[in-house]
Amino acid sequence: MEQLAATEAALLEGIDAAAMLAQVQQWCAINTGTRNLAGLAQQAALLADAFAALPGEVRLMPAAPVEAIAADGRAVPIEHGAHMVLSVRPNAPRRYLLTGHMDTVFPADHAFQALTWLDDETLGGPGTADMKGGIAVILAALKAFEASLVSPYVGYDVLINSDEETGSLASAPLIAELAKGKAAALTYEPSALPDGTLAGARGGSGNYSAIITGRSAHAGRNPQDGRNALVAAADLTLGLKGLQEDGLAINPARIDGGSANNVVPDHAVLRFNIRPRTQADAARFAAAIGPLLREVELAHEVQVHLHGGISRPPKPLTAEAEALFELVRSCGAALGQPIRWQSSGGVCDGNNIAALGVPVVDTMGVRGGAIHSPQEYMIVPSLAERAALSALVLHRLSGGK
């Protein structure tokens, strides 16, 4: 069995579980749906104050420009909240990246807003597991790590973004910038299973909008002169499903368009998601989508413009990532926390980080479950458990004994 050194045990004694719980309760009382800019601004200010307890500089960084396709096919700008960044010892020769997100999937008008104790150790509420509990873990772990004798010789950046739940398009450039040159990264999504199992390899994800332009005509007098964009969209939908294969799931999700029943519709927008398991699967889709679009254009005499792309590249479990997972496992064993991992079909910022060649474990947050639903919950003792795990990982990753 792994052993916990006396110096390591002393390092973890200062983790304050009650203070962590109080933070989660305060933060989860604020609605931070990705589009709730006022709530996100309030949350960002509280996080900036909380992380100011660590050495280094706290900054609120503006969101990168993002466009979305409206129902009429126009590209429209989408506003996002600011991202919080803490930089500690930026000139250290060895540095890490820790990431989390402050946004949730629950908008300001959603019915799920309140915290509820489900039992003595289980707290239900929006963002408890995904992932304001994880943010509390980051802060507590870093406070503990700062007491390590090796901490002065390493540095780290912390990024808490405001748009992870919608794909991190407004924070992707910042993630890429902060990941450069990092020795390792930890991301604080909740554990893959309530027992603390971590997510290992992940597939990728891409979101697209196919904008189809046809030609309007009267449905009774001269329908032959029209070019029906909705029919073309339906044909493209079937064609996309025909590209699906093992390793590549394709989900046509919505078609917008049309007008009055007596008008041949001249526009439509087909929205779809793809889930490539590997980079090779993503490459196969990239090679097939162009010919399919041209086929639909020729068959229906329409124009098709594709907007979007893969925002979460597939995340394989590399040798470097396996070594980091093994370190987490050994630290967990020393703490009496059995750790295992399994592949996951979900995606997160860990995909983006891994694509830059940085080994990452991306489910270092609390134990909990039912995320993205009104049944979301956090297992409260896991706050201190996971903070201790991360502090020990950082200590040993930095050469501490």
Protein backbone atom coordinates (compact mmCIF):
# COMPACT_ATOMS: atom_id res chain seq x y z
CA MET A 1 0.00 0.00 0.00
CA GLU A 2 1.17 3.52 -0.79
CA GLN A 3 2.40 5.53 2.19
CA LEU A 4 1.70 9.15 3.13
CA ALA A 5 4.82 10.85 4.52
CA ALA A 6 4.54 12.87 7.72
CA THR A 7 5.43 16.05 5.84
CA GLU A 8 2.68 15.30 3.34
CA ALA A 9 0.14 14.70 6.08
CA ALA A 10 1.08 18.04 7.64
CA LEU A 11 0.60 19.70 4.27
CA LEU A 12 -3.02 18.58 4.15
CA GLU A 13 -4.01 19.45 7.71
CA GLY A 14 -4.98 22.99 6.79
CA ILE A 15 -7.73 22.00 4.34
CA ASP A 16 -10.91 23.52 5.75
CA ALA A 17 -13.91 21.46 4.67
CA ALA A 18 -16.42 23.82 6.31
CA ALA A 19 -15.01 26.84 4.48
CA MET A 20 -15.15 24.95 1.19
CA LEU A 21 -18.80 24.05 1.71
CA ALA A 22 -19.64 27.65 2.57
CA GLN A 23 -18.01 28.79 -0.69
CA VAL A 24 -20.00 26.30 -2.74
CA GLN A 25 -23.23 27.37 -1.08
CA GLN A 26 -22.50 31.03 -1.74
CA TRP A 27 -21.49 30.47 -5.34
CA CYS A 28 -24.36 28.12 -6.18
CA ALA A 29 -26.86 30.69 -4.92
CA ILE A 30 -25.91 32.79 -7.97
CA ASN A 31 -27.41 31.79 -11.29
CA THR A 32 -24.58 31.53 -13.82
CA GLY A 33 -26.21 30.10 -16.90
CA THR A 34 -23.83 30.74 -19.80
CA ARG A 35 -26.06 33.51 -21.18
CA ASN A 36 -26.69 35.17 -17.80
CA LEU A 37 -24.03 37.87 -18.11
CA ALA A 38 -25.05 39.66 -14.93
CA GLY A 39 -24.83 36.49 -12.86
CA LEU A 40 -21.49 35.57 -14.41
CA ALA A 41 -20.10 39.04 -13.62
CA GLN A 42 -21.18 38.67 -9.99
CA GLN A 43 -19.63 35.20 -9.82
CA ALA A 44 -16.38 36.32 -11.47
CA ALA A 45 -15.97 39.12 -8.94
CA LEU A 46 -16.42 36.70 -6.03
CA LEU A 47 -13.94 34.27 -7.55
CA ALA A 48 -11.39 37.02 -8.10
CA ASP A 49 -11.66 37.98 -4.42
CA ALA A 50 -11.37 34.34 -3.30
CA PHE A 51 -8.34 33.51 -5.46
CA ALA A 52 -6.60 36.71 -4.38
CA ALA A 53 -5.71 34.74 -1.23
CA LEU A 54 -3.05 32.99 -3.34
CA PRO A 55 0.19 34.65 -4.45
CA GLY A 56 0.19 36.02 -7.96
CA GLU A 57 -1.97 38.21 -10.15
CA VAL A 58 -5.72 37.80 -10.67
CA ARG A 59 -7.17 39.12 -13.93
CA LEU A 60 -10.63 39.15 -15.47
CA MET A 61 -10.07 38.50 -19.17
CA PRO A 62 -12.58 39.50 -21.87
CA ALA A 63 -14.24 36.79 -23.92
CA ALA A 64 -13.05 36.17 -27.46
CA PRO A 65 -15.54 37.09 -30.22
CA VAL A 66 -17.99 34.33 -31.08
CA GLU A 67 -20.64 34.15 -33.80
CA ALA A 68 -23.69 31.94 -34.02
CA ILE A 69 -26.05 31.28 -36.90
CA ALA A 70 -29.55 32.68 -36.44
CA ALA A 71 -32.66 30.93 -37.73
CA ASP A 72 -32.58 33.06 -40.89
CA GLY A 73 -28.98 32.04 -41.63
CA ARG A 74 -27.30 35.28 -40.55
CA ALA A 75 -24.14 35.16 -38.45
CA VAL A 76 -24.77 37.12 -35.25
CA PRO A 77 -22.34 37.94 -32.41
CA ILE A 78 -22.90 36.18 -29.07
CA GLU A 79 -21.77 37.86 -25.87
CA HIS A 80 -20.04 35.93 -23.10
CA GLY A 81 -18.87 36.70 -19.61
CA ALA A 82 -15.29 37.44 -18.60
CA HIS A 83 -12.90 34.64 -17.65
CA MET A 84 -10.89 34.65 -14.42
CA VAL A 85 -7.16 33.96 -14.63
CA LEU A 86 -4.68 33.65 -11.75
CA SER A 87 -0.97 33.54 -12.62
CA VAL A 88 1.49 32.46 -9.92
CA ARG A 89 5.27 32.53 -10.41
CA PRO A 90 5.05 33.02 -14.20
CA ASN A 91 8.84 32.81 -14.59
CA ALA A 92 9.24 29.45 -12.85
CA PRO A 93 10.91 26.82 -15.08
CA ARG A 94 8.15 24.26 -14.36
CA ARG A 95 4.52 25.32 -14.48
CA TYR A 96 1.06 23.75 -14.43
CA LEU A 97 -2.43 24.67 -15.62
CA LEU A 98 -5.56 24.16 -13.51
CA THR A 99 -8.91 24.86 -15.13
CA GLY A 100 -12.56 25.05 -14.17
CA HIS A 101 -15.71 26.83 -15.30
CA MET A 102 -18.16 29.11 -13.55
CA ASP A 103 -21.09 28.71 -15.96
CA THR A 104 -23.89 26.18 -15.66
CA VAL A 105 -26.51 24.83 -18.07
CA PHE A 106 -29.38 26.38 -16.10
CA PRO A 107 -30.55 29.81 -17.38
CA ALA A 108 -31.91 32.51 -15.12
CA ASP A 109 -35.52 31.47 -15.81
CA HIS A 110 -34.94 27.75 -15.13
CA ALA A 111 -36.91 26.21 -12.28
CA PHE A 112 -33.80 24.60 -10.76
CA GLN A 113 -32.26 27.38 -8.68
CA ALA A 114 -32.20 26.32 -5.02
CA LEU A 115 -29.89 24.21 -2.86
CA THR A 116 -31.41 21.25 -1.05
CA TRP A 117 -29.88 18.81 1.42
CA LEU A 118 -30.79 15.33 0.17
CA ASP A 119 -29.21 13.69 3.22
CA ASP A 120 -26.47 14.51 5.72
CA GLU A 121 -23.72 14.14 3.10
CA THR A 122 -25.44 15.04 -0.17
CA LEU A 123 -26.19 18.56 -1.36
CA GLY A 124 -28.37 19.04 -4.41
CA GLY A 125 -28.33 22.22 -6.44
CA PRO A 126 -27.34 23.86 -9.73
CA GLY A 127 -23.58 23.77 -10.19
CA THR A 128 -22.82 21.87 -6.99
CA ALA A 129 -20.97 19.14 -8.89
CA ASP A 130 -20.58 20.80 -12.29
CA MET A 131 -18.58 22.57 -11.22
CA LYS A 132 -18.56 25.11 -8.42
CA GLY A 133 -17.61 22.31 -6.08
CA GLY A 134 -14.60 21.76 -8.35
CA ILE A 135 -13.63 25.43 -8.12
CA ALA A 136 -13.61 25.18 -4.32
CA VAL A 137 -11.35 22.12 -4.67
CA ILE A 138 -8.89 24.08 -6.84
CA LEU A 139 -8.65 26.92 -4.33
CA ALA A 140 -8.26 24.70 -1.27
CA ALA A 141 -5.71 22.46 -2.99
CA LEU A 142 -3.56 25.39 -4.04
CA LYS A 143 -3.68 26.93 -0.58
CA ALA A 144 -2.42 23.64 0.83
CA PHE A 145 0.21 23.27 -1.90
CA GLU A 146 1.61 26.72 -1.18
CA ALA A 147 2.78 25.36 2.20
CA SER A 148 4.92 22.74 0.45
CA LEU A 149 8.68 23.26 0.49
CA VAL A 150 8.76 22.68 -3.28
CA SER A 151 6.05 25.18 -4.22
CA PRO A 152 8.41 28.18 -4.55
CA TYR A 153 10.19 26.38 -7.41
CA VAL A 154 7.14 25.86 -9.63
CA GLY A 155 4.38 28.09 -10.95
CA TYR A 156 0.88 27.68 -12.26
CA ASP A 157 -2.01 29.37 -14.02
CA VAL A 158 -5.63 28.93 -12.99
CA LEU A 159 -8.35 29.54 -15.57
CA ILE A 160 -12.03 29.67 -14.61
CA ASN A 161 -13.91 30.30 -17.85
CA SER A 162 -17.48 31.42 -18.40
CA ASP A 163 -18.52 29.36 -21.42
CA GLU A 164 -17.46 25.74 -20.98
CA GLU A 165 -21.04 24.50 -21.12
CA THR A 166 -21.45 25.88 -24.65
CA GLY A 167 -18.13 24.59 -25.98
CA SER A 168 -15.57 27.14 -24.71
CA LEU A 169 -15.54 28.99 -28.04
CA ALA A 170 -15.09 32.32 -26.21
CA SER A 171 -12.23 30.96 -24.10
CA ALA A 172 -10.49 28.56 -26.52
CA PRO A 173 -7.76 31.07 -27.47
CA LEU A 174 -7.09 31.71 -23.78
CA ILE A 175 -6.93 27.98 -23.02
CA ALA A 176 -4.43 27.54 -25.85
CA GLU A 177 -2.31 30.46 -24.64
CA LEU A 178 -2.23 29.29 -21.03
CA ALA A 179 -1.53 25.64 -21.93
CA LYS A 180 1.67 26.48 -23.81
CA GLY A 181 4.74 25.03 -22.17
CA LYS A 182 2.90 23.50 -19.22
CA ALA A 183 4.32 20.32 -17.69
CA ALA A 184 0.84 19.03 -16.79
CA ALA A 185 -2.76 20.15 -16.40
CA LEU A 186 -5.61 19.33 -14.05
CA THR A 187 -9.23 20.12 -14.86
CA TYR A 188 -11.97 20.00 -12.24
CA GLU A 189 -15.01 18.50 -13.89
CA PRO A 190 -16.80 16.17 -11.45
CA SER A 191 -15.72 12.56 -11.32
CA ALA A 192 -17.02 10.35 -14.10
CA LEU A 193 -18.86 8.21 -11.54
CA PRO A 194 -20.01 8.96 -7.98
CA ASP A 195 -17.37 6.56 -6.64
CA GLY A 196 -14.61 8.90 -7.85
CA THR A 197 -13.75 7.17 -11.13
CA LEU A 198 -11.90 9.49 -13.50
CA ALA A 199 -12.52 9.99 -17.20
CA GLY A 200 -9.61 8.71 -19.29
CA ALA A 201 -9.71 8.87 -23.08
CA ARG A 202 -12.46 11.04 -24.54
CA GLY A 203 -13.99 11.32 -27.98
CA GLY A 204 -14.30 14.68 -29.69
CA SER A 205 -17.23 16.93 -30.53
CA GLY A 206 -18.10 19.34 -33.32
CA ASN A 207 -21.14 21.55 -33.86
CA TYR A 208 -22.20 22.70 -37.31
CA SER A 209 -24.88 24.76 -39.03
CA ALA A 210 -25.56 24.07 -42.70
CA ILE A 211 -27.11 27.21 -44.25
CA ILE A 212 -29.14 26.25 -47.30
CA THR A 213 -30.23 28.86 -49.81
CA GLY A 214 -32.87 27.91 -52.39
CA ARG A 215 -35.38 29.96 -54.41
CA SER A 216 -38.87 30.99 -53.40
CA ALA A 217 -41.93 30.57 -55.62
CA HIS A 218 -45.68 30.28 -55.32
CA ALA A 219 -46.58 26.77 -54.19
CA GLY A 220 -49.63 26.67 -56.50
CA ARG A 221 -48.89 28.85 -59.53
CA ASN A 222 -45.23 28.07 -60.29
CA PRO A 223 -43.73 25.60 -57.80
CA GLN A 224 -41.41 24.34 -60.56
CA ASP A 225 -39.55 27.66 -60.41
CA GLY A 226 -38.77 27.24 -56.72
CA ARG A 227 -35.88 25.42 -55.10
CA ASN A 228 -37.08 24.03 -51.79
CA ALA A 229 -34.46 24.59 -49.09
CA LEU A 230 -36.34 22.48 -46.55
CA VAL A 231 -36.39 19.47 -48.84
CA ALA A 232 -32.66 19.93 -49.43
CA ALA A 233 -32.12 20.14 -45.66
CA ALA A 234 -34.06 16.91 -45.17
CA ASP A 235 -31.98 15.20 -47.86
CA LEU A 236 -28.79 16.47 -46.22
CA THR A 237 -30.03 15.12 -42.89
CA LEU A 238 -30.35 11.64 -44.34
CA GLY A 239 -26.99 11.97 -46.03
CA LEU A 240 -25.33 12.89 -42.75
CA LYS A 241 -26.78 9.82 -41.05
CA GLY A 242 -25.38 7.81 -43.92
CA LEU A 243 -21.88 8.99 -42.98
CA GLN A 244 -22.26 7.62 -39.46
CA GLU A 245 -20.12 4.60 -38.65
CA ASP A 246 -18.40 2.96 -35.73
CA GLY A 247 -16.25 5.70 -34.21
CA LEU A 248 -18.31 8.55 -35.66
CA ALA A 249 -21.74 9.43 -34.28
CA ILE A 250 -23.70 12.14 -36.13
CA ASN A 251 -26.77 13.77 -34.62
CA PRO A 252 -28.91 16.05 -36.80
CA ALA A 253 -30.59 18.14 -34.12
CA ARG A 254 -32.76 20.85 -35.67
CA ILE A 255 -33.97 22.41 -38.92
CA ASP A 256 -35.01 26.06 -39.01
CA GLY A 257 -36.66 27.67 -42.04
CA GLY A 258 -39.77 27.94 -44.14
CA SER A 259 -42.60 30.46 -44.19
CA ALA A 260 -46.22 30.35 -45.32
CA ASN A 261 -47.70 27.09 -46.57
CA ASN A 262 -48.18 28.54 -50.06
CA VAL A 263 -44.53 29.59 -50.48
CA VAL A 264 -41.68 27.33 -51.58
CA PRO A 265 -39.13 27.98 -48.78
CA ASP A 266 -35.92 29.57 -49.98
CA HIS A 267 -33.86 29.10 -46.84
CA ALA A 268 -33.20 26.56 -44.11
CA VAL A 269 -30.60 25.97 -41.42
CA LEU A 270 -29.73 22.41 -40.42
CA ARG A 271 -27.87 22.10 -37.11
CA PHE A 272 -25.97 18.94 -36.26
CA ASN A 273 -23.35 17.55 -33.91
CA ILE A 274 -20.63 15.00 -34.62
CA ARG A 275 -18.73 12.84 -32.11
CA PRO A 276 -15.52 11.40 -33.58
CA ARG A 277 -13.85 8.87 -31.31
CA THR A 278 -10.37 9.48 -32.72
CA GLN A 279 -8.54 11.96 -34.94
CA ALA A 280 -8.79 9.43 -37.77
CA ASP A 281 -12.59 9.43 -37.39
CA ALA A 282 -12.59 13.24 -37.51
CA ALA A 283 -10.45 13.15 -40.65
CA ARG A 284 -12.87 10.73 -42.33
CA PHE A 285 -15.74 13.12 -41.66
CA ALA A 286 -13.75 16.07 -42.98
CA ALA A 287 -13.06 14.15 -46.20
CA ALA A 288 -16.70 13.08 -46.66
CA ILE A 289 -18.65 16.23 -45.82
CA GLY A 290 -17.53 18.26 -48.85
CA PRO A 291 -18.69 15.72 -51.45
CA LEU A 292 -21.99 15.29 -49.59
CA LEU A 293 -22.67 19.03 -49.62
CA ARG A 294 -21.91 19.23 -53.36
CA GLU A 295 -24.20 16.27 -54.01
CA VAL A 296 -27.09 18.02 -52.22
CA GLU A 297 -26.39 21.27 -54.06
CA LEU A 298 -26.49 19.58 -57.44
CA ALA A 299 -29.53 17.44 -56.67
CA HIS A 300 -31.65 20.35 -55.42
CA GLU A 301 -30.05 23.30 -57.23
CA VAL A 302 -29.39 25.09 -53.94
CA GLN A 303 -26.36 26.55 -52.23
CA VAL A 304 -25.07 25.14 -48.94
CA HIS A 305 -22.68 26.99 -46.65
CA LEU A 306 -21.25 25.09 -43.67
CA HIS A 307 -20.53 27.00 -40.47
CA GLY A 308 -18.81 25.56 -37.40
CA GLY A 309 -16.26 22.85 -36.74
CA ILE A 310 -14.74 20.57 -34.14
CA SER A 311 -14.39 22.55 -30.94
CA ARG A 312 -13.34 19.58 -28.79
CA PRO A 313 -10.69 17.41 -30.49
CA PRO A 314 -10.59 13.72 -29.50
CA LYS A 315 -8.46 13.10 -26.41
CA PRO A 316 -6.47 9.86 -26.56
CA LEU A 317 -4.80 8.44 -23.47
CA THR A 318 -1.14 9.03 -24.33
CA ALA A 319 1.85 7.61 -22.47
CA GLU A 320 2.38 11.00 -20.80
CA ALA A 321 -1.27 11.13 -19.74
CA GLU A 322 -1.10 7.58 -18.41
CA ALA A 323 1.91 8.56 -16.28
CA LEU A 324 -0.07 11.48 -14.84
CA PHE A 325 -3.04 9.20 -14.16
CA GLU A 326 -0.72 6.78 -12.40
CA LEU A 327 0.57 9.59 -10.18
CA VAL A 328 -3.02 10.51 -9.29
CA ARG A 329 -3.75 6.84 -8.55
CA SER A 330 -0.75 6.49 -6.25
CA CYS A 331 -1.63 9.70 -4.43
CA GLY A 332 -5.19 8.46 -4.02
CA ALA A 333 -3.93 5.17 -2.61
CA ALA A 334 -1.81 7.04 -0.05
CA LEU A 335 -4.93 8.93 1.01
CA GLY A 336 -7.16 5.85 1.13
CA GLN A 337 -9.00 6.95 -2.03
CA PRO A 338 -9.08 4.15 -4.62
CA ILE A 339 -8.75 5.71 -8.05
CA ARG A 340 -9.52 4.15 -11.41
CA TRP A 341 -10.41 5.59 -14.80
CA GLN A 342 -12.45 4.73 -17.86
CA SER A 343 -13.13 6.13 -21.32
CA SER A 344 -15.89 8.72 -21.63
CA GLY A 345 -18.16 9.89 -24.42
CA GLY A 346 -18.40 13.36 -22.88
CA VAL A 347 -16.15 16.28 -23.71
CA CYS A 348 -14.67 19.19 -21.76
CA ASP A 349 -11.76 21.64 -21.72
CA GLY A 350 -9.47 18.68 -21.14
CA ASN A 351 -9.94 17.83 -24.83
CA ASN A 352 -8.59 21.24 -25.84
CA ILE A 353 -5.64 21.01 -23.46
CA ALA A 354 -4.67 17.50 -24.54
CA ALA A 355 -4.77 18.56 -28.20
CA LEU A 356 -1.89 20.91 -27.40
CA GLY A 357 0.27 18.04 -26.19
CA VAL A 358 -0.13 18.69 -22.46
CA PRO A 359 -0.93 15.64 -20.27
CA VAL A 360 -4.17 16.30 -18.41
CA VAL A 361 -6.49 14.61 -15.93
CA ASP A 362 -9.82 16.36 -16.38
CA THR A 363 -12.13 14.94 -13.69
CA MET A 364 -10.34 16.06 -10.54
CA GLY A 365 -13.47 17.72 -9.13
CA VAL A 366 -15.94 16.52 -6.54
CA ARG A 367 -17.83 13.27 -6.49
CA GLY A 368 -21.45 13.74 -7.45
CA GLY A 369 -23.91 12.99 -10.20
CA ALA A 370 -27.00 13.78 -12.30
CA ILE A 371 -25.25 16.79 -13.80
CA HIS A 372 -27.13 18.87 -16.38
CA SER A 373 -30.40 17.91 -14.69
CA PRO A 374 -32.55 19.22 -11.81
CA GLN A 375 -31.32 16.21 -9.82
CA GLU A 376 -27.67 17.38 -9.79
CA TYR A 377 -25.92 16.69 -6.49
CA MET A 378 -22.54 16.82 -4.77
CA ILE A 379 -21.21 14.38 -2.17
CA VAL A 380 -20.02 16.89 0.43
CA PRO A 381 -17.14 14.90 2.02
CA SER A 382 -15.54 14.74 -1.42
CA LEU A 383 -14.72 18.45 -1.20
CA ALA A 384 -11.93 17.87 1.31
CA GLU A 385 -11.05 14.48 -0.18
CA ARG A 386 -10.43 15.87 -3.63
CA ALA A 387 -8.63 18.96 -2.32
CA ALA A 388 -6.21 16.66 -0.47
CA LEU A 389 -5.77 14.54 -3.60
CA SER A 390 -4.91 17.55 -5.78
CA ALA A 391 -2.58 19.09 -3.19
CA LEU A 392 -0.68 15.81 -2.91
CA VAL A 393 -0.53 15.39 -6.69
CA LEU A 394 0.91 18.89 -7.10
CA HIS A 395 3.39 18.26 -4.28
CA ARG A 396 4.69 14.99 -5.75
CA LEU A 397 4.52 16.28 -9.32
CA SER A 398 6.88 19.04 -8.21
CA GLY A 399 9.40 16.64 -6.65
CA GLY A 400 8.11 16.79 -3.10
CA LYS A 401 8.44 13.79 -0.81
